[in-house]
Structure formats: structure tokens, C-alpha cells
Amino acid sequence: MKRTFLRTVRVLPRPLDASRGLLVAGHVVLPCALGKGGVTRVKREGDGATPLGRFALGVLYLRPDKGARPRAGLPARRTRPDDGWCDAPGDRRYNRPVRLPYPASHERMWREDDVYDRVLDIRYNREPIRPGRGSAIFMHLARPGFAPTAGCVALRRADLNRLLPRLGPKTLLVIGSDPRRSSPPRKQKR
């Protein structure tokens, strides 16, 4: 039987709290955390904002000692203790996975706070990579109370596990208003 994946998943910021949002996946609506700077059109390294736009989904990174592998329609790999992600704009490996120890600034992918137990690469600033425009933008597990992220989209573990089987290689993640989506026509006064 052929699996059917969602074409589009939308993340919409909440009007009264820019660091919180709703992820809409078909008929399912899930709460999520966003960057402490809300959603921005012009992302900069370290600004704490979640980038506005349409993004392909990449590799799903799974920490093998933190639960069974969830069903997923995307390529997956196990996270290792020496996995990192370069966030130094001047480095040749900027916004790419690296092996630790690494001489430039980086994030550790093997974390003690559990938020990276499941990490889905949102392919932001990847083709081409523009130094200083933001790195390590992921979909990962939310902190308690949906505390703001540094620019990622974060979901409860159960919600991310529920979503993963519906995401495939052609699924797009749309964060914020989609400029390519036309508004419904307005009724004209007579």
C-alpha cells in the first residue's frame, strides 16, 4: 500500500504571543513554540527569531538511547555524542553538521535537556548558504510550558511522533503567511 504524505504543513504565530504558534497538518492543529523573537522575514544569526517562508524538510536525527524509533516518511539517522552543527558565520562549515570537537562555534546535537532527542532539519538557509542569515533551524521537542526557542519550531514529543509519519520528501513547511497563497476574493459592493 502506498503511503500518502502531506503536501504542506503550516506554522502560524499566535497574535498575542509571537513566541507561540499553531502547526496545521491537514485537519490536525497542534500547539508549538517558536523563536523568542517571533517570526521574521529577515533572519539574522543569533536574533532568536523563526524565519518566515517555505522550506523543504531534511534528515530526521534521532537519539537512540531516548526511546524507540518513530515511524517516519523522511530519511533518518542516529545522533551520536560527537555530533554538532556549526553556527559560526565565518566558518566554511557554517549551517552544516560537524564532528566534535570542532574549532568554530557550534551547537551540540547530543543534549541533556531532551529537546534534541528528535530533530528534523528544516532546510532553512541551505541552498545557497548565506553567512550570518541563521543556522540550525530545526523542528524539535518543546521545553516545558512551550518556552520560546532560539528560532526553531518545537512540539510536544507525542505531537511530533504523531506528525512524523505524515511528512514525506515532498512535504513543505510554511512558516507564517505564505506570500504565494492568494487571498480569497473580496465581495464587491453593488
N, C-alpha and C. Protein backbone atom coordinates (compact mmCIF):
# COMPACT_ATOMS: atom_id res chain seq x y z
N MET A 1 0.84 -1.18 0.00
CA MET A 1 0.00 0.00 0.00
C MET A 1 0.88 1.24 0.00
N LYS A 2 0.59 2.17 -0.88
CA LYS A 2 1.38 3.40 -1.00
C LYS A 2 1.00 4.37 0.13
N ARG A 3 2.02 4.94 0.76
CA ARG A 3 1.78 5.91 1.83
C ARG A 3 1.48 7.27 1.23
N THR A 4 0.58 7.99 1.87
CA THR A 4 0.23 9.33 1.45
C THR A 4 0.79 10.31 2.47
N PHE A 5 1.54 11.29 1.97
CA PHE A 5 2.13 12.30 2.84
C PHE A 5 1.45 13.65 2.62
N LEU A 6 1.54 14.50 3.62
CA LEU A 6 1.01 15.85 3.48
C LEU A 6 1.85 16.63 2.48
N ARG A 7 1.20 17.48 1.71
CA ARG A 7 1.93 18.37 0.78
C ARG A 7 2.51 19.56 1.53
N THR A 8 1.69 20.09 2.45
CA THR A 8 2.09 21.31 3.17
C THR A 8 1.71 21.20 4.64
N VAL A 9 2.59 21.67 5.48
CA VAL A 9 2.33 21.84 6.91
C VAL A 9 2.57 23.32 7.19
N ARG A 10 1.63 23.95 7.87
CA ARG A 10 1.73 25.39 8.14
C ARG A 10 1.98 25.66 9.61
N VAL A 11 2.80 26.66 9.87
CA VAL A 11 3.04 27.13 11.24
C VAL A 11 2.61 28.59 11.28
N LEU A 12 1.62 28.86 12.12
CA LEU A 12 1.07 30.21 12.22
C LEU A 12 1.32 30.76 13.62
N PRO A 13 1.96 31.93 13.70
CA PRO A 13 2.19 32.52 15.03
C PRO A 13 0.87 32.99 15.64
N ARG A 14 0.80 32.91 16.95
CA ARG A 14 -0.40 33.41 17.65
C ARG A 14 -0.31 34.93 17.76
N PRO A 15 -1.40 35.62 17.55
CA PRO A 15 -1.36 37.09 17.55
C PRO A 15 -0.95 37.73 18.87
N LEU A 16 -1.28 37.13 20.01
CA LEU A 16 -0.97 37.76 21.29
C LEU A 16 0.32 37.27 21.93
N ASP A 17 0.96 36.27 21.33
CA ASP A 17 2.23 35.77 21.85
C ASP A 17 3.05 35.28 20.66
N ALA A 18 3.96 36.12 20.18
CA ALA A 18 4.73 35.82 18.97
C ALA A 18 5.64 34.61 19.11
N SER A 19 5.93 34.19 20.34
CA SER A 19 6.81 33.03 20.53
C SER A 19 6.03 31.71 20.60
N ARG A 20 4.74 31.77 20.39
CA ARG A 20 3.90 30.57 20.34
C ARG A 20 3.16 30.53 19.02
N GLY A 21 2.85 29.31 18.60
CA GLY A 21 2.15 29.18 17.34
C GLY A 21 1.27 27.96 17.30
N LEU A 22 0.67 27.77 16.14
CA LEU A 22 -0.13 26.59 15.86
C LEU A 22 0.42 25.96 14.60
N LEU A 23 0.64 24.66 14.65
CA LEU A 23 1.08 23.91 13.48
C LEU A 23 -0.15 23.21 12.92
N VAL A 24 -0.45 23.47 11.65
CA VAL A 24 -1.62 22.92 10.99
C VAL A 24 -1.16 21.88 9.99
N ALA A 25 -1.55 20.61 10.23
CA ALA A 25 -1.17 19.49 9.38
C ALA A 25 -2.45 18.79 8.94
N GLY A 26 -2.97 19.16 7.79
CA GLY A 26 -4.26 18.62 7.36
C GLY A 26 -5.33 19.12 8.30
N HIS A 27 -6.08 18.19 8.92
CA HIS A 27 -7.14 18.56 9.86
C HIS A 27 -6.65 18.61 11.30
N VAL A 28 -5.37 18.38 11.50
CA VAL A 28 -4.80 18.35 12.85
C VAL A 28 -4.14 19.70 13.15
N VAL A 29 -4.44 20.27 14.31
CA VAL A 29 -3.85 21.54 14.75
C VAL A 29 -3.14 21.27 16.07
N LEU A 30 -1.83 21.59 16.10
CA LEU A 30 -1.00 21.30 17.26
C LEU A 30 -0.35 22.58 17.78
N PRO A 31 -0.28 22.75 19.11
CA PRO A 31 0.42 23.91 19.65
C PRO A 31 1.93 23.74 19.45
N CYS A 32 2.63 24.85 19.26
CA CYS A 32 4.08 24.79 19.12
C CYS A 32 4.72 26.03 19.70
N ALA A 33 6.00 25.91 19.99
CA ALA A 33 6.81 27.06 20.44
C ALA A 33 7.59 27.56 19.24
N LEU A 34 7.79 28.86 19.18
CA LEU A 34 8.58 29.50 18.13
C LEU A 34 9.71 30.28 18.79
N GLY A 35 10.50 30.96 17.98
CA GLY A 35 11.60 31.75 18.50
C GLY A 35 11.14 32.86 19.41
N LYS A 36 11.99 33.20 20.38
CA LYS A 36 11.64 34.27 21.32
C LYS A 36 11.45 35.60 20.61
N GLY A 37 11.99 35.74 19.39
CA GLY A 37 11.82 36.96 18.59
C GLY A 37 10.65 36.88 17.63
N GLY A 38 9.79 35.87 17.77
CA GLY A 38 8.65 35.73 16.86
C GLY A 38 9.10 35.24 15.49
N VAL A 39 8.31 35.55 14.48
CA VAL A 39 8.61 35.16 13.10
C VAL A 39 9.10 36.40 12.36
N THR A 40 10.19 36.24 11.60
CA THR A 40 10.77 37.38 10.89
C THR A 40 11.00 37.07 9.42
N ARG A 41 10.89 38.10 8.61
CA ARG A 41 11.18 38.00 7.18
C ARG A 41 12.69 38.04 6.94
N VAL A 42 13.42 38.79 7.78
CA VAL A 42 14.88 38.94 7.61
C VAL A 42 15.57 38.31 8.82
N LYS A 43 15.95 37.05 8.68
CA LYS A 43 16.59 36.29 9.77
C LYS A 43 18.07 36.62 9.84
N ARG A 44 18.58 36.77 11.06
CA ARG A 44 19.99 37.01 11.31
C ARG A 44 20.47 36.03 12.38
N GLU A 45 21.72 35.62 12.28
CA GLU A 45 22.30 34.70 13.26
C GLU A 45 22.16 35.29 14.66
N GLY A 46 21.60 34.51 15.58
CA GLY A 46 21.50 34.92 16.97
C GLY A 46 20.36 35.83 17.32
N ASP A 47 19.45 36.15 16.37
CA ASP A 47 18.35 37.07 16.67
C ASP A 47 17.20 36.42 17.43
N GLY A 48 17.21 35.08 17.55
CA GLY A 48 16.17 34.39 18.29
C GLY A 48 14.83 34.33 17.57
N ALA A 49 14.81 34.66 16.29
CA ALA A 49 13.55 34.66 15.54
C ALA A 49 13.44 33.42 14.65
N THR A 50 12.22 33.04 14.37
CA THR A 50 11.93 31.93 13.46
C THR A 50 11.75 32.51 12.06
N PRO A 51 12.40 31.93 11.05
CA PRO A 51 12.31 32.50 9.70
C PRO A 51 10.95 32.28 9.03
N LEU A 52 10.47 33.31 8.36
CA LEU A 52 9.26 33.26 7.56
C LEU A 52 9.60 32.61 6.23
N GLY A 53 8.75 31.75 5.72
CA GLY A 53 8.98 31.21 4.38
C GLY A 53 8.50 29.80 4.19
N ARG A 54 8.88 29.24 3.03
CA ARG A 54 8.54 27.87 2.63
C ARG A 54 9.82 27.06 2.62
N PHE A 55 9.82 25.91 3.31
CA PHE A 55 11.04 25.14 3.46
C PHE A 55 10.81 23.65 3.21
N ALA A 56 11.76 23.04 2.53
CA ALA A 56 11.77 21.59 2.40
C ALA A 56 12.20 21.00 3.74
N LEU A 57 11.92 19.73 3.93
CA LEU A 57 12.32 19.05 5.16
C LEU A 57 13.47 18.11 4.84
N GLY A 58 14.43 18.03 5.75
CA GLY A 58 15.62 17.22 5.52
C GLY A 58 15.63 15.98 6.38
N VAL A 59 16.79 15.67 6.90
CA VAL A 59 17.02 14.46 7.68
C VAL A 59 16.41 14.58 9.08
N LEU A 60 15.88 13.47 9.57
CA LEU A 60 15.39 13.37 10.94
C LEU A 60 16.51 12.75 11.76
N TYR A 61 16.97 13.47 12.78
CA TYR A 61 18.02 12.98 13.68
C TYR A 61 17.35 12.44 14.94
N LEU A 62 17.72 11.22 15.33
CA LEU A 62 17.10 10.55 16.47
C LEU A 62 18.17 10.12 17.47
N ARG A 63 17.96 10.45 18.72
CA ARG A 63 18.88 10.00 19.75
C ARG A 63 18.49 8.57 20.14
N PRO A 64 19.35 7.57 19.86
CA PRO A 64 18.96 6.17 20.01
C PRO A 64 18.70 5.71 21.44
N ASP A 65 19.23 6.40 22.42
CA ASP A 65 19.03 5.98 23.81
C ASP A 65 17.79 6.63 24.44
N LYS A 66 16.99 7.34 23.64
CA LYS A 66 15.84 8.08 24.17
C LYS A 66 14.52 7.62 23.55
N GLY A 67 14.31 6.32 23.48
CA GLY A 67 13.03 5.80 23.01
C GLY A 67 13.14 5.11 21.66
N ALA A 68 12.08 4.39 21.34
CA ALA A 68 12.02 3.65 20.08
C ALA A 68 11.94 4.61 18.90
N ARG A 69 12.43 4.16 17.79
CA ARG A 69 12.39 4.96 16.56
C ARG A 69 10.93 5.12 16.12
N PRO A 70 10.48 6.39 15.95
CA PRO A 70 9.10 6.59 15.50
C PRO A 70 8.97 6.28 14.00
N ARG A 71 7.76 5.96 13.57
CA ARG A 71 7.52 5.82 12.13
C ARG A 71 7.74 7.18 11.50
N ALA A 72 8.39 7.20 10.36
CA ALA A 72 8.66 8.48 9.68
C ALA A 72 8.80 8.24 8.18
N GLY A 73 8.38 9.23 7.41
CA GLY A 73 8.47 9.15 5.96
C GLY A 73 9.69 9.86 5.40
N LEU A 74 10.56 10.33 6.27
CA LEU A 74 11.77 11.06 5.86
C LEU A 74 13.01 10.24 6.21
N PRO A 75 14.12 10.50 5.54
CA PRO A 75 15.34 9.79 5.92
C PRO A 75 15.72 10.11 7.36
N ALA A 76 16.22 9.10 8.07
CA ALA A 76 16.57 9.28 9.48
C ALA A 76 17.97 8.76 9.73
N ARG A 77 18.62 9.36 10.73
CA ARG A 77 19.92 8.86 11.17
C ARG A 77 20.02 9.02 12.67
N ARG A 78 20.83 8.17 13.27
CA ARG A 78 21.05 8.23 14.71
C ARG A 78 22.00 9.36 15.06
N THR A 79 21.66 10.09 16.10
CA THR A 79 22.56 11.11 16.63
C THR A 79 23.62 10.42 17.47
N ARG A 80 24.86 10.92 17.38
CA ARG A 80 25.97 10.39 18.17
C ARG A 80 26.46 11.48 19.12
N PRO A 81 27.14 11.09 20.19
CA PRO A 81 27.62 12.09 21.15
C PRO A 81 28.56 13.13 20.55
N ASP A 82 29.22 12.82 19.43
CA ASP A 82 30.15 13.79 18.84
C ASP A 82 29.53 14.56 17.67
N ASP A 83 28.19 14.58 17.56
CA ASP A 83 27.52 15.36 16.52
C ASP A 83 27.34 16.81 16.95
N GLY A 84 27.59 17.70 16.03
CA GLY A 84 27.39 19.13 16.26
C GLY A 84 26.85 19.78 15.01
N TRP A 85 26.55 21.09 15.11
CA TRP A 85 26.05 21.87 13.97
C TRP A 85 26.73 23.23 14.05
N CYS A 86 27.47 23.58 13.02
CA CYS A 86 28.25 24.83 13.03
C CYS A 86 27.34 26.05 12.93
N ASP A 87 27.53 27.02 13.85
CA ASP A 87 26.76 28.26 13.81
C ASP A 87 27.67 29.50 13.73
N ALA A 88 28.90 29.30 13.26
CA ALA A 88 29.86 30.40 13.11
C ALA A 88 29.80 30.92 11.67
N PRO A 89 29.23 32.13 11.44
CA PRO A 89 29.05 32.63 10.07
C PRO A 89 30.31 32.67 9.22
N GLY A 90 31.48 32.86 9.82
CA GLY A 90 32.72 32.94 9.05
C GLY A 90 33.38 31.60 8.75
N ASP A 91 32.80 30.51 9.25
CA ASP A 91 33.40 29.20 9.07
C ASP A 91 32.92 28.54 7.78
N ARG A 92 33.79 27.76 7.16
CA ARG A 92 33.43 27.10 5.89
C ARG A 92 32.34 26.05 6.07
N ARG A 93 32.11 25.56 7.30
CA ARG A 93 31.07 24.56 7.57
C ARG A 93 29.81 25.19 8.18
N TYR A 94 29.66 26.51 8.04
CA TYR A 94 28.50 27.22 8.60
C TYR A 94 27.19 26.57 8.16
N ASN A 95 26.29 26.39 9.12
CA ASN A 95 24.96 25.82 8.93
C ASN A 95 25.01 24.41 8.34
N ARG A 96 25.99 23.64 8.81
CA ARG A 96 26.13 22.25 8.39
C ARG A 96 26.49 21.40 9.61
N PRO A 97 26.20 20.09 9.51
CA PRO A 97 26.62 19.20 10.59
C PRO A 97 28.15 19.12 10.66
N VAL A 98 28.67 18.99 11.87
CA VAL A 98 30.13 18.84 12.09
C VAL A 98 30.36 17.77 13.15
N ARG A 99 31.59 17.26 13.20
CA ARG A 99 32.02 16.31 14.23
C ARG A 99 32.71 17.09 15.33
N LEU A 100 32.40 16.75 16.57
CA LEU A 100 33.01 17.42 17.71
C LEU A 100 34.20 16.60 18.21
N PRO A 101 35.21 17.23 18.75
CA PRO A 101 35.31 18.68 18.94
C PRO A 101 35.51 19.40 17.61
N TYR A 102 34.98 20.62 17.55
CA TYR A 102 35.09 21.43 16.35
C TYR A 102 35.61 22.80 16.77
N PRO A 103 36.56 23.39 16.03
CA PRO A 103 37.19 24.62 16.49
C PRO A 103 36.31 25.87 16.46
N ALA A 104 35.30 25.91 15.58
CA ALA A 104 34.44 27.09 15.48
C ALA A 104 33.19 26.91 16.35
N SER A 105 32.45 27.99 16.55
CA SER A 105 31.22 27.95 17.34
C SER A 105 30.25 26.93 16.74
N HIS A 106 29.57 26.20 17.63
CA HIS A 106 28.67 25.14 17.16
C HIS A 106 27.65 24.81 18.25
N GLU A 107 26.59 24.12 17.84
CA GLU A 107 25.62 23.55 18.77
C GLU A 107 25.93 22.08 18.93
N ARG A 108 25.70 21.57 20.12
CA ARG A 108 25.81 20.12 20.36
C ARG A 108 24.46 19.51 20.00
N MET A 109 24.46 18.43 19.24
CA MET A 109 23.23 17.76 18.87
C MET A 109 22.83 16.71 19.92
N TRP A 110 23.80 16.28 20.73
CA TRP A 110 23.55 15.31 21.81
C TRP A 110 23.42 16.13 23.08
N ARG A 111 22.19 16.44 23.49
CA ARG A 111 21.95 17.35 24.60
C ARG A 111 21.32 16.63 25.78
N GLU A 112 21.53 17.19 26.95
CA GLU A 112 20.98 16.60 28.17
C GLU A 112 19.55 17.06 28.46
N ASP A 113 19.09 18.14 27.81
CA ASP A 113 17.75 18.67 28.12
C ASP A 113 16.64 18.02 27.29
N ASP A 114 16.94 17.01 26.50
CA ASP A 114 15.97 16.21 25.74
C ASP A 114 15.35 16.90 24.53
N VAL A 115 15.53 18.19 24.33
CA VAL A 115 14.86 18.85 23.20
C VAL A 115 15.35 18.35 21.85
N TYR A 116 16.57 17.82 21.79
CA TYR A 116 17.09 17.29 20.53
C TYR A 116 17.03 15.76 20.46
N ASP A 117 16.19 15.14 21.27
CA ASP A 117 16.01 13.69 21.16
C ASP A 117 15.47 13.32 19.78
N ARG A 118 14.65 14.21 19.22
CA ARG A 118 14.13 14.09 17.86
C ARG A 118 14.28 15.46 17.23
N VAL A 119 15.05 15.51 16.14
CA VAL A 119 15.35 16.78 15.48
C VAL A 119 15.13 16.61 13.97
N LEU A 120 14.26 17.43 13.42
CA LEU A 120 14.01 17.41 11.99
C LEU A 120 14.63 18.67 11.39
N ASP A 121 15.53 18.48 10.45
CA ASP A 121 16.20 19.60 9.80
C ASP A 121 15.21 20.33 8.89
N ILE A 122 14.93 21.59 9.24
CA ILE A 122 14.16 22.47 8.35
C ILE A 122 15.22 23.08 7.44
N ARG A 123 15.17 22.82 6.20
CA ARG A 123 16.27 23.19 5.30
C ARG A 123 16.30 24.70 5.03
N TYR A 124 16.37 25.46 6.11
CA TYR A 124 16.48 26.91 6.02
C TYR A 124 17.94 27.30 5.78
N ASN A 125 18.14 28.28 4.90
CA ASN A 125 19.47 28.83 4.58
C ASN A 125 20.44 27.73 4.17
N ARG A 126 20.02 26.90 3.25
CA ARG A 126 20.85 25.76 2.87
C ARG A 126 21.30 25.80 1.42
N GLU A 127 20.52 26.30 0.51
CA GLU A 127 20.91 26.25 -0.91
C GLU A 127 20.54 27.55 -1.60
N PRO A 128 21.41 28.54 -1.61
CA PRO A 128 22.77 28.54 -1.07
C PRO A 128 22.77 28.94 0.40
N ILE A 129 23.88 28.64 1.06
CA ILE A 129 24.07 29.06 2.45
C ILE A 129 24.60 30.49 2.43
N ARG A 130 23.91 31.38 3.16
CA ARG A 130 24.32 32.78 3.25
C ARG A 130 24.83 33.05 4.66
N PRO A 131 26.13 33.30 4.80
CA PRO A 131 26.71 33.54 6.13
C PRO A 131 25.96 34.63 6.89
N GLY A 132 25.67 34.34 8.16
CA GLY A 132 25.03 35.32 9.03
C GLY A 132 23.52 35.36 8.94
N ARG A 133 22.91 34.58 8.06
CA ARG A 133 21.45 34.61 7.88
C ARG A 133 20.71 33.58 8.73
N GLY A 134 21.43 32.90 9.62
CA GLY A 134 20.79 31.96 10.53
C GLY A 134 21.18 30.53 10.26
N SER A 135 21.29 29.76 11.34
CA SER A 135 21.72 28.36 11.23
C SER A 135 20.97 27.52 12.24
N ALA A 136 21.03 26.21 12.04
CA ALA A 136 20.45 25.22 12.96
C ALA A 136 18.98 25.50 13.24
N ILE A 137 18.21 25.71 12.18
CA ILE A 137 16.76 25.90 12.32
C ILE A 137 16.12 24.52 12.17
N PHE A 138 15.54 24.04 13.25
CA PHE A 138 15.01 22.69 13.31
C PHE A 138 13.57 22.67 13.79
N MET A 139 12.94 21.50 13.64
CA MET A 139 11.72 21.16 14.36
C MET A 139 12.19 20.15 15.41
N HIS A 140 11.95 20.45 16.67
CA HIS A 140 12.43 19.58 17.74
C HIS A 140 11.41 19.53 18.87
N LEU A 141 11.78 18.90 19.97
CA LEU A 141 10.87 18.75 21.10
C LEU A 141 10.80 20.04 21.92
N ALA A 142 9.60 20.34 22.40
CA ALA A 142 9.37 21.57 23.17
C ALA A 142 9.84 21.42 24.60
N ARG A 143 10.26 22.54 25.16
CA ARG A 143 10.56 22.61 26.59
C ARG A 143 9.24 22.68 27.35
N PRO A 144 9.27 22.43 28.66
CA PRO A 144 8.04 22.54 29.45
C PRO A 144 7.40 23.93 29.30
N GLY A 145 6.08 23.94 29.16
CA GLY A 145 5.36 25.20 29.04
C GLY A 145 5.54 25.88 27.69
N PHE A 146 6.09 25.17 26.72
CA PHE A 146 6.36 25.75 25.39
C PHE A 146 7.22 27.01 25.50
N ALA A 147 8.27 26.93 26.30
CA ALA A 147 9.21 28.05 26.40
C ALA A 147 9.74 28.37 25.00
N PRO A 148 10.01 29.65 24.71
CA PRO A 148 10.48 30.04 23.37
C PRO A 148 11.78 29.33 22.98
N THR A 149 11.96 29.16 21.69
CA THR A 149 13.18 28.56 21.14
C THR A 149 14.13 29.67 20.71
N ALA A 150 15.26 29.28 20.14
CA ALA A 150 16.22 30.25 19.59
C ALA A 150 15.92 30.53 18.11
N GLY A 151 14.79 30.03 17.61
CA GLY A 151 14.41 30.25 16.21
C GLY A 151 13.78 29.02 15.57
N CYS A 152 13.74 27.94 16.30
CA CYS A 152 13.18 26.67 15.79
C CYS A 152 11.68 26.60 16.03
N VAL A 153 11.07 25.52 15.56
CA VAL A 153 9.67 25.18 15.82
C VAL A 153 9.73 23.96 16.75
N ALA A 154 9.04 24.03 17.89
CA ALA A 154 9.12 22.94 18.87
C ALA A 154 7.73 22.42 19.22
N LEU A 155 7.62 21.09 19.27
CA LEU A 155 6.36 20.41 19.56
C LEU A 155 6.52 19.45 20.74
N ARG A 156 5.40 19.10 21.37
CA ARG A 156 5.43 18.04 22.38
C ARG A 156 5.87 16.75 21.71
N ARG A 157 6.53 15.88 22.47
CA ARG A 157 7.03 14.60 21.94
C ARG A 157 5.90 13.81 21.27
N ALA A 158 4.76 13.66 21.93
CA ALA A 158 3.65 12.89 21.37
C ALA A 158 3.15 13.51 20.07
N ASP A 159 3.12 14.84 20.01
CA ASP A 159 2.65 15.52 18.79
C ASP A 159 3.63 15.35 17.64
N LEU A 160 4.93 15.46 17.93
CA LEU A 160 5.92 15.27 16.87
C LEU A 160 5.88 13.82 16.38
N ASN A 161 5.77 12.87 17.30
CA ASN A 161 5.66 11.46 16.90
C ASN A 161 4.42 11.22 16.03
N ARG A 162 3.34 11.90 16.33
CA ARG A 162 2.10 11.78 15.55
C ARG A 162 2.26 12.39 14.15
N LEU A 163 3.04 13.46 14.06
CA LEU A 163 3.22 14.18 12.80
C LEU A 163 4.20 13.48 11.85
N LEU A 164 5.26 12.89 12.38
CA LEU A 164 6.34 12.35 11.55
C LEU A 164 5.90 11.37 10.46
N PRO A 165 4.97 10.44 10.71
CA PRO A 165 4.58 9.53 9.64
C PRO A 165 3.86 10.21 8.47
N ARG A 166 3.38 11.43 8.67
CA ARG A 166 2.64 12.15 7.64
C ARG A 166 3.53 13.07 6.80
N LEU A 167 4.82 13.16 7.17
CA LEU A 167 5.77 14.01 6.46
C LEU A 167 6.59 13.17 5.50
N GLY A 168 6.68 13.62 4.25
CA GLY A 168 7.45 12.90 3.26
C GLY A 168 8.45 13.79 2.57
N PRO A 169 9.18 13.26 1.60
CA PRO A 169 10.24 14.00 0.93
C PRO A 169 9.77 15.26 0.18
N LYS A 170 8.50 15.32 -0.16
CA LYS A 170 7.99 16.49 -0.89
C LYS A 170 7.14 17.42 -0.03
N THR A 171 7.02 17.10 1.27
CA THR A 171 6.25 17.96 2.17
C THR A 171 6.97 19.28 2.36
N LEU A 172 6.23 20.39 2.28
CA LEU A 172 6.79 21.71 2.54
C LEU A 172 6.30 22.22 3.88
N LEU A 173 7.18 22.88 4.59
CA LEU A 173 6.83 23.54 5.85
C LEU A 173 6.71 25.02 5.53
N VAL A 174 5.55 25.60 5.77
CA VAL A 174 5.31 27.02 5.53
C VAL A 174 5.18 27.69 6.89
N ILE A 175 6.10 28.61 7.18
CA ILE A 175 6.09 29.33 8.45
C ILE A 175 5.61 30.75 8.20
N GLY A 176 4.56 31.15 8.93
CA GLY A 176 3.98 32.48 8.76
C GLY A 176 3.07 32.52 7.55
N SER A 177 2.72 33.70 7.12
CA SER A 177 1.86 33.87 5.95
C SER A 177 2.61 33.43 4.72
N ASP A 178 1.93 32.70 3.87
CA ASP A 178 2.52 32.22 2.62
C ASP A 178 2.24 33.26 1.53
N PRO A 179 3.27 34.00 1.07
CA PRO A 179 3.04 35.04 0.07
C PRO A 179 2.53 34.48 -1.26
N ARG A 180 2.74 33.19 -1.52
CA ARG A 180 2.28 32.60 -2.79
C ARG A 180 0.83 32.17 -2.73
N ARG A 181 0.26 32.18 -1.55
CA ARG A 181 -1.13 31.76 -1.40
C ARG A 181 -2.01 32.99 -1.57
N SER A 182 -2.88 32.95 -2.51
CA SER A 182 -3.70 34.13 -2.77
C SER A 182 -4.82 34.23 -1.75
N SER A 183 -5.22 35.45 -1.49
CA SER A 183 -6.33 35.70 -0.58
C SER A 183 -7.62 35.39 -1.31
N PRO A 184 -8.66 35.03 -0.55
CA PRO A 184 -9.93 34.83 -1.23
C PRO A 184 -10.44 36.14 -1.79
N PRO A 185 -11.13 36.10 -2.91
CA PRO A 185 -11.62 37.34 -3.49
C PRO A 185 -12.60 38.03 -2.55
N ARG A 186 -12.51 39.34 -2.52
CA ARG A 186 -13.43 40.12 -1.69
C ARG A 186 -14.75 40.30 -2.42
N LYS A 187 -15.81 40.35 -1.64
CA LYS A 187 -17.12 40.59 -2.25
C LYS A 187 -17.18 42.05 -2.65
N GLN A 188 -17.69 42.27 -3.83
CA GLN A 188 -17.82 43.65 -4.30
C GLN A 188 -19.16 44.22 -3.90
N LYS A 189 -19.15 45.50 -3.53
CA LYS A 189 -20.41 46.17 -3.19
C LYS A 189 -21.11 46.51 -4.49
N ARG A 190 -22.41 46.45 -4.45
CA ARG A 190 -23.19 46.80 -5.65
C ARG A 190 -23.76 48.15 -5.54
